[in-house]
Amino acid sequence: MTVSCIGSGNMGLALMKGAALTAGSKSIGFSDVDLSKAKAAAAALEAQVFDSNDEAVQLGDFVFLAVKPQVLFDVLKEIEGSVRDRLSPENFNARPLCLISMAAGWSIEKIQSCLGIKVPVARIMPNTPALISRGVIVMASSPELTAERVAELEQILSSAGLVDRMEERYMDAITGLSGSGPAFAYIFIEALADGGVRSGLPRDKALQYAAQTVLGSAAMVLETGKHPGELKDMVCSPGGTTIAGLAALENGAFRAAAINAVEAAWRRSLELSSS
């Protein structure tokens, strides 16, 4: 198979890095309005460079649309002719096409409507830890995408992290939680480290301890299957240091702030969906 990536930013590069482990580097290709960026991404993976977005569609079996939501309309209009050509009866059976979009707010129906044809589409919401193969990639697919093709796509994405299927109606909430969530986690890690520095630790040590603490705590949730509240209670001794720190977090409305952050990101995704 050939996997094309229109756009060569961080997320496109992260997913193609994983795809290269499945399909092979020589089967990966990039196109970008900035040809130098496409060449740099391709060089990083020993992949190929397409001269245009049309060529990426003409040669790709799976075509990733790794562009910002604000420019996806223009990209779709640019490749519309090539998509129609790929879906013509003489071409479809030989090399079926699948478009994969990661643009927040762009529904499968909106993509198909923009192209004016029922092209097989998968909508995914990845996050940046995919860069180190520890991402979350949630996927919804159109009825035109066969079960066999969905399985192939899952295999392509699996090297970038956890791949999960969900109904498309959840995508805006997923965008707010796992899509935007890494930024919220990074701020928490930074704040923990700042607290360590305020308490007298060297900056490098404080950051190392903070990041490893969050990493280990997340692993505890996933590996034990216990509720975070139960794990939290395991750390709190009566009248101890941890419960004093938790009281300070509650006084600062920490949980409410985290909930509000996810909700704000979700609402912004809804706004993009309706624009």
C-alpha atoms as a PDB file:
ATOM      1  CA  MET A   1       0.000   0.000   0.000  1.00  0.00           C
ATOM      2  CA  THR A   2       0.960   3.647  -0.372  1.00  0.00           C
ATOM      3  CA  VAL A   3       0.245   6.086   2.443  1.00  0.00           C
ATOM      4  CA  SER A   4       0.142   9.764   1.485  1.00  0.00           C
ATOM      5  CA  CYS A   5       0.233  12.659   3.921  1.00  0.00           C
ATOM      6  CA  ILE A   6      -0.948  16.083   2.795  1.00  0.00           C
ATOM      7  CA  GLY A   7       0.739  18.373   5.308  1.00  0.00           C
ATOM      8  CA  SER A   8       3.998  17.774   7.130  1.00  0.00           C
ATOM      9  CA  GLY A   9       3.505  19.328  10.553  1.00  0.00           C
ATOM     10  CA  ASN A  10       4.112  17.587  13.878  1.00  0.00           C
ATOM     11  CA  MET A  11       0.989  15.450  13.845  1.00  0.00           C
ATOM     12  CA  GLY A  12       1.332  14.334  10.259  1.00  0.00           C
ATOM     13  CA  LEU A  13       4.974  13.444  10.855  1.00  0.00           C
ATOM     14  CA  ALA A  14       4.083  11.576  14.058  1.00  0.00           C
ATOM     15  CA  LEU A  15       1.485   9.403  12.349  1.00  0.00           C
ATOM     16  CA  MET A  16       3.681   8.750   9.321  1.00  0.00           C
ATOM     17  CA  LYS A  17       6.514   7.731  11.648  1.00  0.00           C
ATOM     18  CA  GLY A  18       4.210   5.034  12.988  1.00  0.00           C
ATOM     19  CA  ALA A  19       2.894   4.156   9.522  1.00  0.00           C
ATOM     20  CA  ALA A  20       6.442   3.624   8.302  1.00  0.00           C
ATOM     21  CA  LEU A  21       6.829   0.800  10.824  1.00  0.00           C
ATOM     22  CA  THR A  22       3.829  -0.944   9.269  1.00  0.00           C
ATOM     23  CA  ALA A  23       3.920  -0.033   5.593  1.00  0.00           C
ATOM     24  CA  GLY A  24       7.650   0.697   5.223  1.00  0.00           C
ATOM     25  CA  SER A  25       9.297   4.075   4.695  1.00  0.00           C
ATOM     26  CA  LYS A  26       9.347   3.741   0.915  1.00  0.00           C
ATOM     27  CA  SER A  27       5.539   3.457   0.941  1.00  0.00           C
ATOM     28  CA  ILE A  28       5.134   6.828   2.706  1.00  0.00           C
ATOM     29  CA  GLY A  29       4.938  10.141   0.869  1.00  0.00           C
ATOM     30  CA  PHE A  30       4.465  13.805   1.841  1.00  0.00           C
ATOM     31  CA  SER A  31       3.076  16.824   0.053  1.00  0.00           C
ATOM     32  CA  ASP A  32       2.936  20.358   1.430  1.00  0.00           C
ATOM     33  CA  VAL A  33       2.332  23.887   0.202  1.00  0.00           C
ATOM     34  CA  ASP A  34       5.814  24.492   1.609  1.00  0.00           C
ATOM     35  CA  LEU A  35       7.874  22.004  -0.397  1.00  0.00           C
ATOM     36  CA  SER A  36      10.871  22.407   1.907  1.00  0.00           C
ATOM     37  CA  LYS A  37       8.782  21.151   4.845  1.00  0.00           C
ATOM     38  CA  ALA A  38       7.650  18.126   2.849  1.00  0.00           C
ATOM     39  CA  LYS A  39      11.257  17.368   1.929  1.00  0.00           C
ATOM     40  CA  ALA A  40      12.383  17.683   5.549  1.00  0.00           C
ATOM     41  CA  ALA A  41       9.627  15.346   6.770  1.00  0.00           C
ATOM     42  CA  ALA A  42      10.379  12.844   4.034  1.00  0.00           C
ATOM     43  CA  ALA A  43      14.098  12.960   4.786  1.00  0.00           C
ATOM     44  CA  ALA A  44      13.426  12.236   8.465  1.00  0.00           C
ATOM     45  CA  LEU A  45      11.677   8.986   7.519  1.00  0.00           C
ATOM     46  CA  GLU A  46      13.489   8.185   4.282  1.00  0.00           C
ATOM     47  CA  ALA A  47      10.116   8.585   2.581  1.00  0.00           C
ATOM     48  CA  GLN A  48       9.151  10.106  -0.758  1.00  0.00           C
ATOM     49  CA  VAL A  49       7.972  13.604  -1.701  1.00  0.00           C
ATOM     50  CA  PHE A  50       4.967  14.280  -3.930  1.00  0.00           C
ATOM     51  CA  ASP A  51       5.072  17.283  -6.233  1.00  0.00           C
ATOM     52  CA  SER A  52       1.484  18.242  -5.435  1.00  0.00           C
ATOM     53  CA  ASN A  53      -1.546  17.342  -3.336  1.00  0.00           C
ATOM     54  CA  ASP A  54      -3.150  15.927  -6.482  1.00  0.00           C
ATOM     55  CA  GLU A  55      -0.242  13.523  -6.900  1.00  0.00           C
ATOM     56  CA  ALA A  56      -0.587  12.499  -3.245  1.00  0.00           C
ATOM     57  CA  VAL A  57      -4.224  11.542  -3.937  1.00  0.00           C
ATOM     58  CA  GLN A  58      -3.474   9.872  -7.263  1.00  0.00           C
ATOM     59  CA  LEU A  59      -0.795   7.616  -5.764  1.00  0.00           C
ATOM     60  CA  GLY A  60      -2.082   7.071  -2.212  1.00  0.00           C
ATOM     61  CA  ASP A  61      -4.261   4.242  -0.971  1.00  0.00           C
ATOM     62  CA  PHE A  62      -4.660   5.967   2.388  1.00  0.00           C
ATOM     63  CA  VAL A  63      -4.457   9.768   2.148  1.00  0.00           C
ATOM     64  CA  PHE A  64      -4.033  11.643   5.430  1.00  0.00           C
ATOM     65  CA  LEU A  65      -5.296  15.222   5.475  1.00  0.00           C
ATOM     66  CA  ALA A  66      -2.883  16.583   8.087  1.00  0.00           C
ATOM     67  CA  VAL A  67      -3.800  20.241   7.710  1.00  0.00           C
ATOM     68  CA  LYS A  68      -5.387  22.865   9.941  1.00  0.00           C
ATOM     69  CA  PRO A  69      -9.201  23.049   9.985  1.00  0.00           C
ATOM     70  CA  GLN A  70      -9.042  26.567   8.564  1.00  0.00           C
ATOM     71  CA  VAL A  71      -7.362  25.409   5.330  1.00  0.00           C
ATOM     72  CA  LEU A  72      -9.039  22.027   4.848  1.00  0.00           C
ATOM     73  CA  PHE A  73     -11.758  23.473   2.594  1.00  0.00           C
ATOM     74  CA  ASP A  74      -9.167  24.808   0.154  1.00  0.00           C
ATOM     75  CA  VAL A  75      -7.273  21.508   0.167  1.00  0.00           C
ATOM     76  CA  LEU A  76     -10.447  19.512  -0.496  1.00  0.00           C
ATOM     77  CA  LYS A  77     -11.370  21.742  -3.407  1.00  0.00           C
ATOM     78  CA  GLU A  78      -7.864  21.382  -4.776  1.00  0.00           C
ATOM     79  CA  ILE A  79      -7.980  17.564  -4.747  1.00  0.00           C
ATOM     80  CA  GLU A  80     -11.648  17.182  -5.709  1.00  0.00           C
ATOM     81  CA  GLY A  81     -10.870  16.207  -9.304  1.00  0.00           C
ATOM     82  CA  SER A  82      -8.302  13.616  -8.296  1.00  0.00           C
ATOM     83  CA  VAL A  83     -10.662  12.132  -5.698  1.00  0.00           C
ATOM     84  CA  ARG A  84     -13.408  11.754  -8.309  1.00  0.00           C
ATOM     85  CA  ASP A  85     -10.946  10.158 -10.705  1.00  0.00           C
ATOM     86  CA  ARG A  86      -9.813   7.663  -8.054  1.00  0.00           C
ATOM     87  CA  LEU A  87     -13.429   6.732  -7.323  1.00  0.00           C
ATOM     88  CA  SER A  88     -14.342   6.140 -10.959  1.00  0.00           C
ATOM     89  CA  PRO A  89     -15.382   2.509 -11.656  1.00  0.00           C
ATOM     90  CA  GLU A  90     -12.234   1.700 -13.630  1.00  0.00           C
ATOM     91  CA  ASN A  91      -9.965   2.820 -10.770  1.00  0.00           C
ATOM     92  CA  PHE A  92     -11.950   2.130  -7.597  1.00  0.00           C
ATOM     93  CA  ASN A  93     -11.837  -1.656  -7.627  1.00  0.00           C
ATOM     94  CA  ALA A  94      -8.131  -1.776  -8.360  1.00  0.00           C
ATOM     95  CA  ARG A  95      -6.881   0.768  -5.819  1.00  0.00           C
ATOM     96  CA  PRO A  96      -9.659   1.961  -3.483  1.00  0.00           C
ATOM     97  CA  LEU A  97      -9.082   5.360  -1.895  1.00  0.00           C
ATOM     98  CA  CYS A  98      -9.536   6.328   1.748  1.00  0.00           C
ATOM     99  CA  LEU A  99      -9.250   9.868   3.094  1.00  0.00           C
ATOM    100  CA  ILE A 100      -8.258  10.316   6.745  1.00  0.00           C
ATOM    101  CA  SER A 101      -8.967  13.680   8.337  1.00  0.00           C
ATOM    102  CA  MET A 102      -7.730  14.900  11.708  1.00  0.00           C
ATOM    103  CA  ALA A 103      -9.183  18.414  11.431  1.00  0.00           C
ATOM    104  CA  ALA A 104     -11.146  19.418  14.523  1.00  0.00           C
ATOM    105  CA  GLY A 105     -14.718  20.351  13.727  1.00  0.00           C
ATOM    106  CA  TRP A 106     -14.812  18.731  10.281  1.00  0.00           C
ATOM    107  CA  SER A 107     -17.395  15.949  10.216  1.00  0.00           C
ATOM    108  CA  ILE A 108     -17.332  13.095   7.725  1.00  0.00           C
ATOM    109  CA  GLU A 109     -20.536  14.449   6.184  1.00  0.00           C
ATOM    110  CA  LYS A 110     -18.991  17.916   5.820  1.00  0.00           C
ATOM    111  CA  ILE A 111     -15.943  16.486   4.047  1.00  0.00           C
ATOM    112  CA  GLN A 112     -18.072  14.425   1.669  1.00  0.00           C
ATOM    113  CA  SER A 113     -20.372  17.376   1.024  1.00  0.00           C
ATOM    114  CA  CYS A 114     -17.396  19.609   0.213  1.00  0.00           C
ATOM    115  CA  LEU A 115     -16.148  17.048  -2.309  1.00  0.00           C
ATOM    116  CA  GLY A 116     -19.628  16.353  -3.646  1.00  0.00           C
ATOM    117  CA  ILE A 117     -19.080  12.594  -3.564  1.00  0.00           C
ATOM    118  CA  LYS A 118     -19.418   9.775  -1.022  1.00  0.00           C
ATOM    119  CA  VAL A 119     -15.715   9.103  -0.691  1.00  0.00           C
ATOM    120  CA  PRO A 120     -14.655   6.613   2.017  1.00  0.00           C
ATOM    121  CA  VAL A 121     -13.559   8.765   4.952  1.00  0.00           C
ATOM    122  CA  ALA A 122     -12.103   8.066   8.369  1.00  0.00           C
ATOM    123  CA  ARG A 123     -12.106  10.852  10.930  1.00  0.00           C
ATOM    124  CA  ILE A 124      -9.449  10.594  13.598  1.00  0.00           C
ATOM    125  CA  MET A 125      -8.441  12.631  16.623  1.00  0.00           C
ATOM    126  CA  PRO A 126      -4.817  11.938  17.563  1.00  0.00           C
ATOM    127  CA  ASN A 127      -2.713  13.747  20.144  1.00  0.00           C
ATOM    128  CA  THR A 128       0.912  14.819  20.279  1.00  0.00           C
ATOM    129  CA  PRO A 129       2.295  11.892  22.348  1.00  0.00           C
ATOM    130  CA  ALA A 130       1.918   9.980  19.072  1.00  0.00           C
ATOM    131  CA  LEU A 131       5.314  11.525  18.331  1.00  0.00           C
ATOM    132  CA  ILE A 132       6.821   9.013  20.786  1.00  0.00           C
ATOM    133  CA  SER A 133       4.361   6.189  19.995  1.00  0.00           C
ATOM    134  CA  ARG A 134       2.315   6.837  23.147  1.00  0.00           C
ATOM    135  CA  GLY A 135      -0.573   8.748  21.657  1.00  0.00           C
ATOM    136  CA  VAL A 136      -4.315   8.286  21.735  1.00  0.00           C
ATOM    137  CA  ILE A 137      -5.904   8.025  18.293  1.00  0.00           C
ATOM    138  CA  VAL A 138      -9.699   7.797  18.262  1.00  0.00           C
ATOM    139  CA  MET A 139     -11.331   6.889  14.953  1.00  0.00           C
ATOM    140  CA  ALA A 140     -14.760   7.020  13.342  1.00  0.00           C
ATOM    141  CA  SER A 141     -15.435   5.881   9.781  1.00  0.00           C
ATOM    142  CA  SER A 142     -18.001   6.416   7.065  1.00  0.00           C
ATOM    143  CA  PRO A 143     -20.225   3.539   5.854  1.00  0.00           C
ATOM    144  CA  GLU A 144     -18.292   3.545   2.570  1.00  0.00           C
ATOM    145  CA  LEU A 145     -15.180   2.315   4.366  1.00  0.00           C
ATOM    146  CA  THR A 146     -15.133  -1.488   4.478  1.00  0.00           C
ATOM    147  CA  ALA A 147     -14.290  -3.433   7.616  1.00  0.00           C
ATOM    148  CA  GLU A 148     -11.138  -4.691   5.900  1.00  0.00           C
ATOM    149  CA  ARG A 149      -9.959  -1.153   5.163  1.00  0.00           C
ATOM    150  CA  VAL A 150     -10.752  -0.023   8.708  1.00  0.00           C
ATOM    151  CA  ALA A 151      -8.621  -2.881  10.026  1.00  0.00           C
ATOM    152  CA  GLU A 152      -5.775  -1.874   7.700  1.00  0.00           C
ATOM    153  CA  LEU A 153      -6.003   1.717   8.905  1.00  0.00           C
ATOM    154  CA  GLU A 154      -5.969   0.601  12.533  1.00  0.00           C
ATOM    155  CA  GLN A 155      -2.800  -1.349  11.826  1.00  0.00           C
ATOM    156  CA  ILE A 156      -1.187   1.705  10.225  1.00  0.00           C
ATOM    157  CA  LEU A 157      -2.060   3.867  13.232  1.00  0.00           C
ATOM    158  CA  SER A 158      -1.271   1.312  15.946  1.00  0.00           C
ATOM    159  CA  SER A 159       2.448   2.070  16.035  1.00  0.00           C
ATOM    160  CA  ALA A 160       1.642   5.639  17.128  1.00  0.00           C
ATOM    161  CA  GLY A 161      -0.238   4.607  20.275  1.00  0.00           C
ATOM    162  CA  LEU A 162      -3.634   3.445  21.478  1.00  0.00           C
ATOM    163  CA  VAL A 163      -6.191   3.235  18.652  1.00  0.00           C
ATOM    164  CA  ASP A 164      -9.855   3.150  19.609  1.00  0.00           C
ATOM    165  CA  ARG A 165     -13.088   3.289  17.612  1.00  0.00           C
ATOM    166  CA  MET A 166     -15.914   5.550  18.690  1.00  0.00           C
ATOM    167  CA  GLU A 167     -19.095   6.908  17.147  1.00  0.00           C
ATOM    168  CA  GLU A 168     -18.464  10.195  15.387  1.00  0.00           C
ATOM    169  CA  ARG A 169     -20.896  12.062  17.649  1.00  0.00           C
ATOM    170  CA  TYR A 170     -18.285  11.864  20.423  1.00  0.00           C
ATOM    171  CA  MET A 171     -15.481  13.456  18.411  1.00  0.00           C
ATOM    172  CA  ASP A 172     -15.872  16.992  19.742  1.00  0.00           C
ATOM    173  CA  ALA A 173     -15.690  15.723  23.337  1.00  0.00           C
ATOM    174  CA  ILE A 174     -12.665  13.588  22.426  1.00  0.00           C
ATOM    175  CA  THR A 175     -11.034  16.673  20.928  1.00  0.00           C
ATOM    176  CA  GLY A 176     -11.506  18.509  24.234  1.00  0.00           C
ATOM    177  CA  LEU A 177     -10.175  15.634  26.345  1.00  0.00           C
ATOM    178  CA  SER A 178      -7.429  13.639  24.629  1.00  0.00           C
ATOM    179  CA  GLY A 179      -6.782  16.009  21.728  1.00  0.00           C
ATOM    180  CA  SER A 180      -6.186  19.093  23.882  1.00  0.00           C
ATOM    181  CA  GLY A 181      -5.411  17.208  27.092  1.00  0.00           C
ATOM    182  CA  PRO A 182      -1.628  16.941  26.663  1.00  0.00           C
ATOM    183  CA  ALA A 183      -1.336  20.731  26.883  1.00  0.00           C
ATOM    184  CA  PHE A 184      -3.244  20.670  30.172  1.00  0.00           C
ATOM    185  CA  ALA A 185      -0.994  17.884  31.460  1.00  0.00           C
ATOM    186  CA  TYR A 186       2.142  19.814  30.478  1.00  0.00           C
ATOM    187  CA  ILE A 187       0.968  22.845  32.446  1.00  0.00           C
ATOM    188  CA  PHE A 188       0.343  20.613  35.470  1.00  0.00           C
ATOM    189  CA  ILE A 189       3.836  19.111  35.191  1.00  0.00           C
ATOM    190  CA  GLU A 190       5.333  22.582  34.868  1.00  0.00           C
ATOM    191  CA  ALA A 191       3.372  23.773  37.906  1.00  0.00           C
ATOM    192  CA  LEU A 192       4.497  20.766  39.970  1.00  0.00           C
ATOM    193  CA  ALA A 193       8.091  21.519  39.035  1.00  0.00           C
ATOM    194  CA  ASP A 194       7.622  25.186  39.960  1.00  0.00           C
ATOM    195  CA  GLY A 195       6.360  24.053  43.342  1.00  0.00           C
ATOM    196  CA  GLY A 196       9.457  21.936  43.777  1.00  0.00           C
ATOM    197  CA  VAL A 197      11.690  24.885  42.881  1.00  0.00           C
ATOM    198  CA  ARG A 198       9.799  27.094  45.310  1.00  0.00           C
ATOM    199  CA  SER A 199      10.481  24.470  47.956  1.00  0.00           C
ATOM    200  CA  GLY A 200      14.219  24.532  47.215  1.00  0.00           C
ATOM    201  CA  LEU A 201      14.827  21.859  44.566  1.00  0.00           C
ATOM    202  CA  PRO A 202      17.105  22.515  41.575  1.00  0.00           C
ATOM    203  CA  ARG A 203      15.050  23.223  38.429  1.00  0.00           C
ATOM    204  CA  ASP A 204      16.290  20.219  36.436  1.00  0.00           C
ATOM    205  CA  LYS A 205      15.600  17.797  39.273  1.00  0.00           C
ATOM    206  CA  ALA A 206      12.181  19.291  39.993  1.00  0.00           C
ATOM    207  CA  LEU A 207      11.139  18.897  36.357  1.00  0.00           C
ATOM    208  CA  GLN A 208      12.444  15.333  36.156  1.00  0.00           C
ATOM    209  CA  TYR A 209      10.643  14.297  39.339  1.00  0.00           C
ATOM    210  CA  ALA A 210       7.410  16.029  38.322  1.00  0.00           C
ATOM    211  CA  ALA A 211       7.298  14.406  34.867  1.00  0.00           C
ATOM    212  CA  GLN A 212       8.121  10.933  36.196  1.00  0.00           C
ATOM    213  CA  THR A 213       5.537  11.305  38.965  1.00  0.00           C
ATOM    214  CA  VAL A 214       2.782  12.103  36.456  1.00  0.00           C
ATOM    215  CA  LEU A 215       3.951   9.306  34.138  1.00  0.00           C
ATOM    216  CA  GLY A 216       3.973   6.759  36.948  1.00  0.00           C
ATOM    217  CA  SER A 217       0.608   7.905  38.282  1.00  0.00           C
ATOM    218  CA  ALA A 218      -0.991   7.555  34.845  1.00  0.00           C
ATOM    219  CA  ALA A 219       0.476   4.071  34.518  1.00  0.00           C
ATOM    220  CA  MET A 220      -1.020   3.140  37.901  1.00  0.00           C
ATOM    221  CA  VAL A 221      -4.495   4.093  36.679  1.00  0.00           C
ATOM    222  CA  LEU A 222      -4.145   2.078  33.478  1.00  0.00           C
ATOM    223  CA  GLU A 223      -2.367  -0.962  34.881  1.00  0.00           C
ATOM    224  CA  THR A 224      -4.269  -1.448  38.143  1.00  0.00           C
ATOM    225  CA  GLY A 225      -7.712  -0.583  36.790  1.00  0.00           C
ATOM    226  CA  LYS A 226      -8.448   1.212  40.038  1.00  0.00           C
ATOM    227  CA  HIS A 227     -10.390   4.458  40.166  1.00  0.00           C
ATOM    228  CA  PRO A 228      -8.164   7.537  40.519  1.00  0.00           C
ATOM    229  CA  GLY A 229      -9.984   8.429  43.714  1.00  0.00           C
ATOM    230  CA  GLU A 230      -9.034   5.090  45.264  1.00  0.00           C
ATOM    231  CA  LEU A 231      -5.409   5.534  44.235  1.00  0.00           C
ATOM    232  CA  LYS A 232      -5.462   9.062  45.634  1.00  0.00           C
ATOM    233  CA  ASP A 233      -6.721   7.781  48.978  1.00  0.00           C
ATOM    234  CA  MET A 234      -3.830   5.290  49.094  1.00  0.00           C
ATOM    235  CA  VAL A 235      -1.389   8.237  49.210  1.00  0.00           C
ATOM    236  CA  CYS A 236      -3.230  10.264  51.859  1.00  0.00           C
ATOM    237  CA  SER A 237      -2.360   9.623  55.492  1.00  0.00           C
ATOM    238  CA  PRO A 238      -4.511  11.225  58.217  1.00  0.00           C
ATOM    239  CA  GLY A 239      -3.099  14.638  59.044  1.00  0.00           C
ATOM    240  CA  GLY A 240      -0.244  14.091  56.564  1.00  0.00           C
ATOM    241  CA  THR A 241       1.510  16.080  53.893  1.00  0.00           C
ATOM    242  CA  THR A 242      -0.542  14.842  50.914  1.00  0.00           C
ATOM    243  CA  ILE A 243      -3.956  15.700  52.344  1.00  0.00           C
ATOM    244  CA  ALA A 244      -2.631  19.165  53.151  1.00  0.00           C
ATOM    245  CA  GLY A 245      -1.579  19.561  49.521  1.00  0.00           C
ATOM    246  CA  LEU A 246      -4.941  18.265  48.272  1.00  0.00           C
ATOM    247  CA  ALA A 247      -6.739  20.801  50.452  1.00  0.00           C
ATOM    248  CA  ALA A 248      -4.687  23.525  48.775  1.00  0.00           C
ATOM    249  CA  LEU A 249      -5.692  22.195  45.337  1.00  0.00           C
ATOM    250  CA  GLU A 250      -9.349  22.187  46.353  1.00  0.00           C
ATOM    251  CA  ASN A 251      -9.050  25.746  47.659  1.00  0.00           C
ATOM    252  CA  GLY A 252      -7.721  26.706  44.220  1.00  0.00           C
ATOM    253  CA  ALA A 253     -10.633  24.951  42.469  1.00  0.00           C
ATOM    254  CA  PHE A 254      -8.166  22.666  40.698  1.00  0.00           C
ATOM    255  CA  ARG A 255     -10.698  20.048  39.641  1.00  0.00           C
ATOM    256  CA  ALA A 256     -13.181  22.664  38.462  1.00  0.00           C
ATOM    257  CA  ALA A 257     -10.445  24.349  36.415  1.00  0.00           C
ATOM    258  CA  ALA A 258      -9.517  21.029  34.745  1.00  0.00           C
ATOM    259  CA  ILE A 259     -13.144  20.252  33.958  1.00  0.00           C
ATOM    260  CA  ASN A 260     -13.645  23.744  32.579  1.00  0.00           C
ATOM    261  CA  ALA A 261     -10.549  23.421  30.372  1.00  0.00           C
ATOM    262  CA  VAL A 262     -11.877  20.269  28.707  1.00  0.00           C
ATOM    263  CA  GLU A 263     -15.324  21.823  28.333  1.00  0.00           C
ATOM    264  CA  ALA A 264     -13.890  24.992  26.778  1.00  0.00           C
ATOM    265  CA  ALA A 265     -11.921  22.940  24.246  1.00  0.00           C
ATOM    266  CA  TRP A 266     -15.050  20.875  23.507  1.00  0.00           C
ATOM    267  CA  ARG A 267     -17.125  24.012  22.936  1.00  0.00           C
ATOM    268  CA  ARG A 268     -14.483  25.432  20.599  1.00  0.00           C
ATOM    269  CA  SER A 269     -14.581  22.185  18.593  1.00  0.00           C
ATOM    270  CA  LEU A 270     -18.363  22.550  18.363  1.00  0.00           C
ATOM    271  CA  GLU A 271     -17.895  26.085  17.067  1.00  0.00           C
ATOM    272  CA  LEU A 272     -15.520  24.834  14.384  1.00  0.00           C
ATOM    273  CA  SER A 273     -18.052  22.156  13.455  1.00  0.00           C
ATOM    274  CA  SER A 274     -20.750  24.714  12.818  1.00  0.00           C
ATOM    275  CA  SER A 275     -18.600  27.207  10.917  1.00  0.00           C
END
